[in-house]
Protein backbone atom coordinates (compact mmCIF):
# COMPACT_ATOMS: atom_id res chain seq x y z
CA UNK A 1 -91.88 26.11 -19.75
CA UNK A 2 -89.22 24.09 -21.57
CA UNK A 3 -88.44 24.66 -25.27
CA UNK A 4 -89.53 21.09 -26.20
CA UNK A 5 -92.97 21.85 -24.70
CA UNK A 6 -93.14 25.14 -26.57
CA UNK A 7 -92.24 23.41 -29.81
CA UNK A 8 -94.92 20.77 -29.36
CA UNK A 9 -97.60 23.47 -28.55
CA UNK A 10 -96.53 25.55 -31.57
CA UNK A 11 -96.74 22.49 -33.85
CA UNK A 12 -100.10 21.57 -32.45
CA UNK A 13 -101.59 25.10 -32.77
CA UNK A 14 -100.24 25.60 -36.33
CA UNK A 15 -101.48 22.24 -37.55
CA UNK A 16 -104.88 22.71 -35.89
CA UNK A 17 -105.46 26.10 -37.49
CA UNK A 18 -104.53 24.80 -40.93
CA UNK A 19 -106.52 21.61 -40.43
CA UNK A 20 -109.68 23.46 -39.48
CA UNK A 21 -109.24 25.99 -42.28
CA UNK A 22 -108.64 23.42 -44.99
CA UNK A 23 -111.46 21.14 -43.65
CA UNK A 24 -113.86 24.04 -43.98
CA UNK A 25 -112.52 25.02 -47.46
CA UNK A 26 -112.57 21.45 -48.80
CA UNK A 27 -116.10 20.84 -47.52
CA UNK A 28 -117.41 24.04 -49.09
CA UNK A 29 -115.55 24.12 -52.42
CA UNK A 30 -115.08 20.50 -53.50
CA UNK A 31 -117.31 17.55 -54.06
CA UNK A 32 -115.59 15.28 -51.60
CA UNK A 33 -117.70 13.49 -49.02
CA UNK A 34 -117.27 11.28 -45.92
CA UNK A 35 -113.81 10.52 -44.64
CA UNK A 36 -112.07 12.08 -47.62
CA UNK A 37 -112.69 15.64 -46.28
CA UNK A 38 -110.78 15.28 -42.93
CA UNK A 39 -108.23 13.02 -44.63
CA UNK A 40 -107.46 15.56 -47.35
CA UNK A 41 -107.38 18.36 -44.72
CA UNK A 42 -105.03 16.23 -42.61
CA UNK A 43 -102.54 15.75 -45.51
CA UNK A 44 -102.61 19.38 -46.65
CA UNK A 45 -102.27 20.58 -43.01
CA UNK A 46 -99.32 18.27 -42.37
CA UNK A 47 -97.53 19.35 -45.51
CA UNK A 48 -98.09 23.16 -45.07
CA UNK A 49 -97.71 23.55 -41.24
CA UNK A 50 -94.39 24.92 -40.04
CA UNK A 51 -92.27 22.48 -38.05
CA UNK A 52 -90.84 23.64 -34.71
CA UNK A 53 -88.01 21.80 -32.91
CA UNK A 54 -85.98 22.42 -29.71
CA UNK A 55 -82.29 21.75 -29.80
CA UNK A 56 -79.20 22.45 -27.77
CA UNK A 57 -77.05 25.16 -29.33
CA UNK A 58 -74.07 26.67 -27.68
CA UNK A 59 -74.92 25.24 -24.23
CA UNK A 60 -78.46 26.72 -24.35
CA UNK A 61 -81.78 25.22 -25.58
CA UNK A 62 -83.02 27.04 -28.66
CA UNK A 63 -86.18 26.94 -30.70
CA UNK A 64 -85.91 26.41 -34.46
CA UNK A 65 -88.57 26.57 -37.14
CA UNK A 66 -88.55 25.07 -40.73
CA UNK A 67 -91.31 25.84 -43.14
CA UNK A 68 -91.99 25.08 -46.74
CA UNK A 69 -92.29 28.78 -47.53
CA UNK A 70 -89.07 29.82 -45.87
CA UNK A 71 -85.55 29.07 -47.04
CA UNK A 72 -83.55 27.14 -44.58
CA UNK A 73 -83.99 26.82 -40.76
CA UNK A 74 -84.57 29.91 -38.63
CA UNK A 75 -83.71 30.22 -34.93
CA UNK A 76 -86.62 31.85 -33.12
CA UNK A 77 -85.85 31.42 -29.37
């Protein structure tokens, strides 16, 4: 599997986990109703999810991650 596909899958999985978690929390603990629940969960999930990206580095494709809770960009693969 290519690194670009891995990055896409990691982005999707991280966002989905955070979206479902925040959708549940927002529904249970706030007074929001209707479309505001998934919209708020989408915004929070987008901002808090780590971002994965594949790039060529030293003639090899590597996987990098950037996250709001980490300083800088980390090479993970």
